[in-house]
Amino acid sequence: MTTALITGAGRGIGKAIARRLAEDGHDIAINDIAANSDMLEQTAEELRATGRKVSTALADVSKPDEVTEMVRKVVADQGALNIMVANAGIARVTSLLEMEADEWDQVMAVNMRGVFLCYREAAKQMIAQGGGGKIIGAASIVAYRPFALLSHYSASKLGVRGLTQGAAMEWAKHGITVNAYCPGIVGTDMWDLIDEKLAREEGLQRGEALKKYSESIALGRVSVPEDVAKLVSYLASPDSDYMTGQSIMIDGGIQFS
């Protein structure tokens, strides 16, 4: 039996990924920060209805000791760690001229440092276990096409793309594949916040910024979290065993590279 750990899984894309991987037959460990503990427990109860073994681990992914303890707890609860989905992330909408260094650092701490720490600790555990593993990270369309007012977010996700390539090179000898998924515009709380702030910056009504950016989607609709979860399902499965170091867009046809 395989165990998958998904960070930032209390809601949104992380929750959809956890649900899909449970449906695929994996046992599940889900993580979020302490402030979201009630939400995380509710998600865990929903996942247990699938019949899979489900455990939870509270941790701030930007803190090394907490990530180490999170992986330790998952292995103690589940017996092993076979799939790591470093999904946790935050977004801020600020112009570069108005951005404070603290805001830059906060976005980098979660989106870049947090993915690095999750990748590293998962790899250590997988190497100790033997038998390889799957490490999967949250990048974004902005890893290929940055958005104005999201420069720090864009930089962090471009960093995840580079980290994913480097990790794939280093850990291939251990049978570990490392890939990332790059969502476009997804109907989540994060994009509601982005829409609100972009609309304010661009002098639009709430909802108009999301509509403006969505007009470039070739498939004609905003993504839902389940769209992303389907790609992660593939990356977590044996079907992707010959793929590593890739950051794959799942954006409905916005960016063509």
C-alpha atoms as a PDB file:
ATOM      1  CA  MET A   1       0.000   0.000   0.000  1.00  0.00           C
ATOM      2  CA  THR A   2       1.263   3.489  -0.852  1.00  0.00           C
ATOM      3  CA  THR A   3       0.931   6.614   1.270  1.00  0.00           C
ATOM      4  CA  ALA A   4       0.620  10.123  -0.150  1.00  0.00           C
ATOM      5  CA  LEU A   5       1.224  13.298   1.859  1.00  0.00           C
ATOM      6  CA  ILE A   6      -0.437  16.459   0.531  1.00  0.00           C
ATOM      7  CA  THR A   7       0.417  19.827   2.094  1.00  0.00           C
ATOM      8  CA  GLY A   8      -2.031  22.713   2.211  1.00  0.00           C
ATOM      9  CA  ALA A   9      -4.864  20.212   1.881  1.00  0.00           C
ATOM     10  CA  GLY A  10      -7.544  21.736   4.081  1.00  0.00           C
ATOM     11  CA  ARG A  11      -9.318  23.203   1.076  1.00  0.00           C
ATOM     12  CA  GLY A  12      -9.010  24.108  -2.584  1.00  0.00           C
ATOM     13  CA  ILE A  13      -6.589  22.311  -4.889  1.00  0.00           C
ATOM     14  CA  GLY A  14      -4.917  20.423  -2.050  1.00  0.00           C
ATOM     15  CA  LYS A  15      -8.212  18.987  -0.855  1.00  0.00           C
ATOM     16  CA  ALA A  16      -9.150  17.949  -4.405  1.00  0.00           C
ATOM     17  CA  ILE A  17      -5.772  16.254  -4.829  1.00  0.00           C
ATOM     18  CA  ALA A  18      -6.173  14.367  -1.550  1.00  0.00           C
ATOM     19  CA  ARG A  19      -9.642  13.197  -2.552  1.00  0.00           C
ATOM     20  CA  ARG A  20      -8.484  12.024  -5.986  1.00  0.00           C
ATOM     21  CA  LEU A  21      -5.450  10.166  -4.598  1.00  0.00           C
ATOM     22  CA  ALA A  22      -7.681   8.467  -2.032  1.00  0.00           C
ATOM     23  CA  GLU A  23     -10.008   7.396  -4.850  1.00  0.00           C
ATOM     24  CA  ASP A  24      -6.933   6.059  -6.672  1.00  0.00           C
ATOM     25  CA  GLY A  25      -6.304   3.734  -3.740  1.00  0.00           C
ATOM     26  CA  HIS A  26      -3.538   5.520  -1.838  1.00  0.00           C
ATOM     27  CA  ASP A  27      -3.631   5.990   1.916  1.00  0.00           C
ATOM     28  CA  ILE A  28      -3.586   9.699   2.675  1.00  0.00           C
ATOM     29  CA  ALA A  29      -1.860  12.122   5.038  1.00  0.00           C
ATOM     30  CA  ILE A  30      -2.980  15.725   4.815  1.00  0.00           C
ATOM     31  CA  ASN A  31      -1.319  18.838   6.172  1.00  0.00           C
ATOM     32  CA  ASP A  32      -2.210  22.430   6.853  1.00  0.00           C
ATOM     33  CA  ILE A  33      -1.248  25.175   9.290  1.00  0.00           C
ATOM     34  CA  ALA A  34      -2.594  25.228  12.852  1.00  0.00           C
ATOM     35  CA  ALA A  35      -4.987  28.078  12.048  1.00  0.00           C
ATOM     36  CA  ASN A  36      -6.755  25.749   9.601  1.00  0.00           C
ATOM     37  CA  SER A  37      -6.926  22.740  11.952  1.00  0.00           C
ATOM     38  CA  ASP A  38     -10.733  22.565  12.046  1.00  0.00           C
ATOM     39  CA  MET A  39     -10.908  22.676   8.256  1.00  0.00           C
ATOM     40  CA  LEU A  40      -8.217  20.002   8.021  1.00  0.00           C
ATOM     41  CA  GLU A  41     -10.067  17.652  10.375  1.00  0.00           C
ATOM     42  CA  GLN A  42     -13.285  18.126   8.417  1.00  0.00           C
ATOM     43  CA  THR A  43     -11.461  17.243   5.201  1.00  0.00           C
ATOM     44  CA  ALA A  44      -9.963  14.173   6.899  1.00  0.00           C
ATOM     45  CA  GLU A  45     -13.415  12.961   7.919  1.00  0.00           C
ATOM     46  CA  GLU A  46     -14.680  13.374   4.367  1.00  0.00           C
ATOM     47  CA  LEU A  47     -11.701  11.415   3.028  1.00  0.00           C
ATOM     48  CA  ARG A  48     -12.209   8.564   5.477  1.00  0.00           C
ATOM     49  CA  ALA A  49     -15.531   7.926   3.776  1.00  0.00           C
ATOM     50  CA  THR A  50     -13.524   6.613   0.815  1.00  0.00           C
ATOM     51  CA  GLY A  51     -12.339   3.720   2.961  1.00  0.00           C
ATOM     52  CA  ARG A  52      -8.685   4.757   2.874  1.00  0.00           C
ATOM     53  CA  LYS A  53      -6.514   5.259   5.936  1.00  0.00           C
ATOM     54  CA  VAL A  54      -6.280   9.003   6.577  1.00  0.00           C
ATOM     55  CA  SER A  55      -4.067  10.919   9.024  1.00  0.00           C
ATOM     56  CA  THR A  56      -3.360  14.600   9.611  1.00  0.00           C
ATOM     57  CA  ALA A  57      -0.224  16.608  10.395  1.00  0.00           C
ATOM     58  CA  LEU A  58      -0.208  20.278  11.335  1.00  0.00           C
ATOM     59  CA  ALA A  59       2.889  22.180  10.194  1.00  0.00           C
ATOM     60  CA  ASP A  60       4.071  25.441   8.689  1.00  0.00           C
ATOM     61  CA  VAL A  61       5.990  24.267   5.621  1.00  0.00           C
ATOM     62  CA  SER A  62       8.337  27.259   5.795  1.00  0.00           C
ATOM     63  CA  LYS A  63       9.794  25.999   9.107  1.00  0.00           C
ATOM     64  CA  PRO A  64      12.409  23.219   8.848  1.00  0.00           C
ATOM     65  CA  ASP A  65      11.736  21.613  12.231  1.00  0.00           C
ATOM     66  CA  GLU A  66       8.005  21.463  11.566  1.00  0.00           C
ATOM     67  CA  VAL A  67       8.472  19.867   8.151  1.00  0.00           C
ATOM     68  CA  THR A  68      10.839  17.273   9.618  1.00  0.00           C
ATOM     69  CA  GLU A  69       8.314  16.481  12.345  1.00  0.00           C
ATOM     70  CA  MET A  70       5.478  16.348   9.817  1.00  0.00           C
ATOM     71  CA  VAL A  71       7.249  13.669   7.768  1.00  0.00           C
ATOM     72  CA  ARG A  72       8.198  11.770  10.943  1.00  0.00           C
ATOM     73  CA  LYS A  73       4.565  11.789  12.100  1.00  0.00           C
ATOM     74  CA  VAL A  74       3.257  10.643   8.720  1.00  0.00           C
ATOM     75  CA  VAL A  75       5.662   7.706   8.686  1.00  0.00           C
ATOM     76  CA  ALA A  76       4.762   6.842  12.287  1.00  0.00           C
ATOM     77  CA  ASP A  77       1.041   6.963  11.451  1.00  0.00           C
ATOM     78  CA  GLN A  78       1.153   5.341   8.040  1.00  0.00           C
ATOM     79  CA  GLY A  79       4.301   3.232   7.984  1.00  0.00           C
ATOM     80  CA  ALA A  80       5.932   4.873   4.956  1.00  0.00           C
ATOM     81  CA  LEU A  81       5.914   7.865   2.643  1.00  0.00           C
ATOM     82  CA  ASN A  82       5.729   7.079  -1.065  1.00  0.00           C
ATOM     83  CA  ILE A  83       4.259  10.233  -2.599  1.00  0.00           C
ATOM     84  CA  MET A  84       4.870  13.819  -1.517  1.00  0.00           C
ATOM     85  CA  VAL A  85       2.678  16.557  -2.975  1.00  0.00           C
ATOM     86  CA  ALA A  86       4.143  19.915  -1.914  1.00  0.00           C
ATOM     87  CA  ASN A  87       0.984  21.868  -2.619  1.00  0.00           C
ATOM     88  CA  ALA A  88       0.924  24.560   0.091  1.00  0.00           C
ATOM     89  CA  GLY A  89       1.278  28.102  -1.223  1.00  0.00           C
ATOM     90  CA  ILE A  90       0.150  31.693  -0.820  1.00  0.00           C
ATOM     91  CA  ALA A  91      -0.448  34.589  -3.206  1.00  0.00           C
ATOM     92  CA  ARG A  92      -0.224  38.341  -2.703  1.00  0.00           C
ATOM     93  CA  VAL A  93      -1.180  41.043  -5.213  1.00  0.00           C
ATOM     94  CA  THR A  94       1.128  44.048  -4.916  1.00  0.00           C
ATOM     95  CA  SER A  95       3.028  46.257  -7.319  1.00  0.00           C
ATOM     96  CA  LEU A  96       6.794  46.010  -7.078  1.00  0.00           C
ATOM     97  CA  LEU A  97       7.079  49.705  -6.195  1.00  0.00           C
ATOM     98  CA  GLU A  98       4.760  49.272  -3.194  1.00  0.00           C
ATOM     99  CA  MET A  99       6.012  45.870  -2.072  1.00  0.00           C
ATOM    100  CA  GLU A 100       7.718  45.673   1.295  1.00  0.00           C
ATOM    101  CA  ALA A 101      10.626  43.295   1.768  1.00  0.00           C
ATOM    102  CA  ASP A 102       8.651  41.439   4.449  1.00  0.00           C
ATOM    103  CA  GLU A 103       5.913  40.603   1.932  1.00  0.00           C
ATOM    104  CA  TRP A 104       8.491  39.357  -0.576  1.00  0.00           C
ATOM    105  CA  ASP A 105      10.050  37.185   2.132  1.00  0.00           C
ATOM    106  CA  GLN A 106       6.686  35.761   3.224  1.00  0.00           C
ATOM    107  CA  VAL A 107       5.758  34.628  -0.283  1.00  0.00           C
ATOM    108  CA  MET A 108       9.203  33.138  -0.866  1.00  0.00           C
ATOM    109  CA  ALA A 109       9.178  31.423   2.533  1.00  0.00           C
ATOM    110  CA  VAL A 110       6.006  29.467   1.815  1.00  0.00           C
ATOM    111  CA  ASN A 111       6.126  28.985  -1.947  1.00  0.00           C
ATOM    112  CA  MET A 112       9.862  28.419  -2.473  1.00  0.00           C
ATOM    113  CA  ARG A 113      11.472  27.523   0.860  1.00  0.00           C
ATOM    114  CA  GLY A 114       8.440  25.421   1.816  1.00  0.00           C
ATOM    115  CA  VAL A 115       8.611  23.359  -1.366  1.00  0.00           C
ATOM    116  CA  PHE A 116      12.363  22.893  -0.922  1.00  0.00           C
ATOM    117  CA  LEU A 117      11.913  21.668   2.652  1.00  0.00           C
ATOM    118  CA  CYS A 118       9.120  19.274   1.671  1.00  0.00           C
ATOM    119  CA  TYR A 119      11.120  17.945  -1.277  1.00  0.00           C
ATOM    120  CA  ARG A 120      14.214  17.453   0.882  1.00  0.00           C
ATOM    121  CA  GLU A 121      12.546  15.710   3.809  1.00  0.00           C
ATOM    122  CA  ALA A 122      10.463  13.487   1.548  1.00  0.00           C
ATOM    123  CA  ALA A 123      13.557  12.487  -0.424  1.00  0.00           C
ATOM    124  CA  LYS A 124      15.463  11.625   2.761  1.00  0.00           C
ATOM    125  CA  GLN A 125      12.626   9.362   3.869  1.00  0.00           C
ATOM    126  CA  MET A 126      12.218   7.731   0.461  1.00  0.00           C
ATOM    127  CA  ILE A 127      15.953   7.053   0.180  1.00  0.00           C
ATOM    128  CA  ALA A 128      15.986   5.526   3.667  1.00  0.00           C
ATOM    129  CA  GLN A 129      13.028   3.303   2.773  1.00  0.00           C
ATOM    130  CA  GLY A 130      14.374   2.245  -0.611  1.00  0.00           C
ATOM    131  CA  GLY A 131      12.123   1.588  -3.560  1.00  0.00           C
ATOM    132  CA  GLY A 132      11.986   5.130  -4.933  1.00  0.00           C
ATOM    133  CA  GLY A 133       9.040   7.486  -4.757  1.00  0.00           C
ATOM    134  CA  LYS A 134       7.126  10.341  -6.322  1.00  0.00           C
ATOM    135  CA  ILE A 135       7.740  13.966  -5.375  1.00  0.00           C
ATOM    136  CA  ILE A 136       5.336  16.493  -6.874  1.00  0.00           C
ATOM    137  CA  GLY A 137       5.362  20.256  -6.410  1.00  0.00           C
ATOM    138  CA  ALA A 138       2.994  23.154  -6.947  1.00  0.00           C
ATOM    139  CA  ALA A 139       4.271  25.514  -9.607  1.00  0.00           C
ATOM    140  CA  SER A 140       1.900  27.657 -11.718  1.00  0.00           C
ATOM    141  CA  ILE A 141       1.298  29.086 -15.154  1.00  0.00           C
ATOM    142  CA  VAL A 142       3.338  32.056 -13.888  1.00  0.00           C
ATOM    143  CA  ALA A 143       6.405  29.805 -13.955  1.00  0.00           C
ATOM    144  CA  TYR A 144       6.120  30.284 -17.738  1.00  0.00           C
ATOM    145  CA  ARG A 145       4.149  33.535 -18.025  1.00  0.00           C
ATOM    146  CA  PRO A 146       4.438  35.990 -15.108  1.00  0.00           C
ATOM    147  CA  PHE A 147       1.460  38.219 -14.264  1.00  0.00           C
ATOM    148  CA  ALA A 148       1.807  41.901 -13.414  1.00  0.00           C
ATOM    149  CA  LEU A 149       1.223  42.667  -9.706  1.00  0.00           C
ATOM    150  CA  LEU A 150       2.134  39.051  -8.950  1.00  0.00           C
ATOM    151  CA  SER A 151       5.879  39.419  -9.495  1.00  0.00           C
ATOM    152  CA  HIS A 152       6.944  37.827  -6.195  1.00  0.00           C
ATOM    153  CA  TYR A 153       4.453  34.991  -6.673  1.00  0.00           C
ATOM    154  CA  SER A 154       5.704  34.533 -10.240  1.00  0.00           C
ATOM    155  CA  ALA A 155       9.330  34.473  -9.096  1.00  0.00           C
ATOM    156  CA  SER A 156       8.563  31.883  -6.427  1.00  0.00           C
ATOM    157  CA  LYS A 157       6.839  29.578  -8.894  1.00  0.00           C
ATOM    158  CA  LEU A 158       9.614  29.948 -11.466  1.00  0.00           C
ATOM    159  CA  GLY A 159      11.901  28.932  -8.610  1.00  0.00           C
ATOM    160  CA  VAL A 160       9.829  25.792  -8.015  1.00  0.00           C
ATOM    161  CA  ARG A 161      10.281  24.917 -11.682  1.00  0.00           C
ATOM    162  CA  GLY A 162      14.068  25.204 -11.379  1.00  0.00           C
ATOM    163  CA  LEU A 163      14.146  23.342  -8.072  1.00  0.00           C
ATOM    164  CA  THR A 164      12.086  20.530  -9.589  1.00  0.00           C
ATOM    165  CA  GLN A 165      14.600  20.117 -12.414  1.00  0.00           C
ATOM    166  CA  GLY A 166      17.586  20.088 -10.065  1.00  0.00           C
ATOM    167  CA  ALA A 167      15.987  17.648  -7.630  1.00  0.00           C
ATOM    168  CA  ALA A 168      15.035  15.337 -10.493  1.00  0.00           C
ATOM    169  CA  MET A 169      18.680  15.238 -11.602  1.00  0.00           C
ATOM    170  CA  GLU A 170      20.011  14.524  -8.116  1.00  0.00           C
ATOM    171  CA  TRP A 171      17.497  11.890  -7.015  1.00  0.00           C
ATOM    172  CA  ALA A 172      16.939   9.879 -10.194  1.00  0.00           C
ATOM    173  CA  LYS A 173      19.609   7.441  -9.028  1.00  0.00           C
ATOM    174  CA  HIS A 174      17.386   6.650  -6.050  1.00  0.00           C
ATOM    175  CA  GLY A 175      14.374   5.872  -8.226  1.00  0.00           C
ATOM    176  CA  ILE A 176      12.641   9.103  -7.199  1.00  0.00           C
ATOM    177  CA  THR A 177      10.858  11.143  -9.848  1.00  0.00           C
ATOM    178  CA  VAL A 178      10.269  14.860  -9.270  1.00  0.00           C
ATOM    179  CA  ASN A 179       7.690  16.792 -11.277  1.00  0.00           C
ATOM    180  CA  ALA A 180       5.476  19.847 -10.832  1.00  0.00           C
ATOM    181  CA  TYR A 181       2.004  20.909 -11.910  1.00  0.00           C
ATOM    182  CA  CYS A 182       1.263  24.390 -13.225  1.00  0.00           C
ATOM    183  CA  PRO A 183      -2.379  25.442 -12.834  1.00  0.00           C
ATOM    184  CA  GLY A 184      -3.772  28.458 -14.627  1.00  0.00           C
ATOM    185  CA  ILE A 185      -6.844  30.288 -13.338  1.00  0.00           C
ATOM    186  CA  VAL A 186      -8.620  28.055 -10.828  1.00  0.00           C
ATOM    187  CA  GLY A 187     -11.891  28.746  -9.039  1.00  0.00           C
ATOM    188  CA  THR A 188     -10.504  28.770  -5.476  1.00  0.00           C
ATOM    189  CA  ASP A 189     -10.346  31.178  -2.535  1.00  0.00           C
ATOM    190  CA  MET A 190      -6.850  32.168  -3.657  1.00  0.00           C
ATOM    191  CA  TRP A 191      -8.094  33.328  -7.041  1.00  0.00           C
ATOM    192  CA  ASP A 192     -11.024  35.139  -5.409  1.00  0.00           C
ATOM    193  CA  LEU A 193      -8.440  37.154  -3.473  1.00  0.00           C
ATOM    194  CA  ILE A 194      -6.324  37.743  -6.575  1.00  0.00           C
ATOM    195  CA  ASP A 195      -9.409  38.902  -8.488  1.00  0.00           C
ATOM    196  CA  GLU A 196     -10.422  41.315  -5.736  1.00  0.00           C
ATOM    197  CA  LYS A 197      -7.006  42.945  -5.523  1.00  0.00           C
ATOM    198  CA  LEU A 198      -6.354  43.000  -9.267  1.00  0.00           C
ATOM    199  CA  ALA A 199      -9.734  44.650  -9.806  1.00  0.00           C
ATOM    200  CA  ARG A 200      -8.879  47.324  -7.249  1.00  0.00           C
ATOM    201  CA  GLU A 201      -5.458  47.961  -8.818  1.00  0.00           C
ATOM    202  CA  GLU A 202      -6.877  48.119 -12.352  1.00  0.00           C
ATOM    203  CA  GLY A 203      -9.991  50.133 -11.528  1.00  0.00           C
ATOM    204  CA  LEU A 204     -12.413  47.285 -12.249  1.00  0.00           C
ATOM    205  CA  GLN A 205     -15.414  45.878 -10.424  1.00  0.00           C
ATOM    206  CA  ARG A 206     -14.956  42.722  -8.390  1.00  0.00           C
ATOM    207  CA  GLY A 207     -15.209  39.745 -10.723  1.00  0.00           C
ATOM    208  CA  GLU A 208     -14.172  41.739 -13.792  1.00  0.00           C
ATOM    209  CA  ALA A 209     -10.460  41.050 -13.377  1.00  0.00           C
ATOM    210  CA  LEU A 210     -11.089  37.311 -13.267  1.00  0.00           C
ATOM    211  CA  LYS A 211     -13.325  37.627 -16.316  1.00  0.00           C
ATOM    212  CA  LYS A 212     -10.676  39.661 -18.150  1.00  0.00           C
ATOM    213  CA  TYR A 213      -7.933  37.090 -17.562  1.00  0.00           C
ATOM    214  CA  SER A 214     -10.286  34.171 -18.241  1.00  0.00           C
ATOM    215  CA  GLU A 215     -11.098  35.391 -21.742  1.00  0.00           C
ATOM    216  CA  SER A 216      -7.740  34.016 -22.926  1.00  0.00           C
ATOM    217  CA  ILE A 217      -8.591  30.414 -21.923  1.00  0.00           C
ATOM    218  CA  ALA A 218      -8.927  28.377 -25.119  1.00  0.00           C
ATOM    219  CA  LEU A 219     -11.279  25.823 -23.558  1.00  0.00           C
ATOM    220  CA  GLY A 220     -13.630  28.598 -22.530  1.00  0.00           C
ATOM    221  CA  ARG A 221     -13.931  28.055 -18.786  1.00  0.00           C
ATOM    222  CA  VAL A 222     -12.087  28.650 -15.538  1.00  0.00           C
ATOM    223  CA  SER A 223     -10.480  25.526 -14.091  1.00  0.00           C
ATOM    224  CA  VAL A 224     -11.841  23.702 -11.075  1.00  0.00           C
ATOM    225  CA  PRO A 225      -9.544  22.027  -8.508  1.00  0.00           C
ATOM    226  CA  GLU A 226     -10.505  18.591  -9.824  1.00  0.00           C
ATOM    227  CA  ASP A 227      -8.872  19.424 -13.172  1.00  0.00           C
ATOM    228  CA  VAL A 228      -5.547  19.853 -11.409  1.00  0.00           C
ATOM    229  CA  ALA A 229      -6.092  16.773  -9.254  1.00  0.00           C
ATOM    230  CA  LYS A 230      -6.397  14.617 -12.383  1.00  0.00           C
ATOM    231  CA  LEU A 231      -2.913  15.659 -13.504  1.00  0.00           C
ATOM    232  CA  VAL A 232      -1.469  15.014 -10.051  1.00  0.00           C
ATOM    233  CA  SER A 233      -3.120  11.592 -10.107  1.00  0.00           C
ATOM    234  CA  TYR A 234      -1.108  10.806 -13.236  1.00  0.00           C
ATOM    235  CA  LEU A 235       2.129  12.160 -11.754  1.00  0.00           C
ATOM    236  CA  ALA A 236       1.589  10.013  -8.656  1.00  0.00           C
ATOM    237  CA  SER A 237       0.872   6.864 -10.656  1.00  0.00           C
ATOM    238  CA  PRO A 238       3.169   4.283 -12.295  1.00  0.00           C
ATOM    239  CA  ASP A 239       2.060   5.675 -15.667  1.00  0.00           C
ATOM    240  CA  SER A 240       4.473   8.605 -15.131  1.00  0.00           C
ATOM    241  CA  ASP A 241       7.456   6.476 -14.105  1.00  0.00           C
ATOM    242  CA  TYR A 242       9.478   7.634 -17.138  1.00  0.00           C
ATOM    243  CA  MET A 243       8.777  11.337 -16.550  1.00  0.00           C
ATOM    244  CA  THR A 244      10.933  13.474 -14.285  1.00  0.00           C
ATOM    245  CA  GLY A 245      12.037  17.100 -14.014  1.00  0.00           C
ATOM    246  CA  GLN A 246       8.929  18.376 -15.788  1.00  0.00           C
ATOM    247  CA  SER A 247       6.620  21.271 -14.870  1.00  0.00           C
ATOM    248  CA  ILE A 248       3.380  20.608 -16.704  1.00  0.00           C
ATOM    249  CA  MET A 249       0.766  23.258 -17.431  1.00  0.00           C
ATOM    250  CA  ILE A 250      -2.872  22.474 -16.740  1.00  0.00           C
ATOM    251  CA  ASP A 251      -4.399  25.802 -17.730  1.00  0.00           C
ATOM    252  CA  GLY A 252      -7.135  25.083 -20.303  1.00  0.00           C
ATOM    253  CA  GLY A 253      -5.020  26.623 -23.042  1.00  0.00           C
ATOM    254  CA  ILE A 254      -3.745  30.030 -21.919  1.00  0.00           C
ATOM    255  CA  GLN A 255      -0.027  29.638 -22.378  1.00  0.00           C
ATOM    256  CA  PHE A 256       1.478  27.591 -25.192  1.00  0.00           C
ATOM    257  CA  SER A 257       5.200  26.930 -24.805  1.00  0.00           C
END
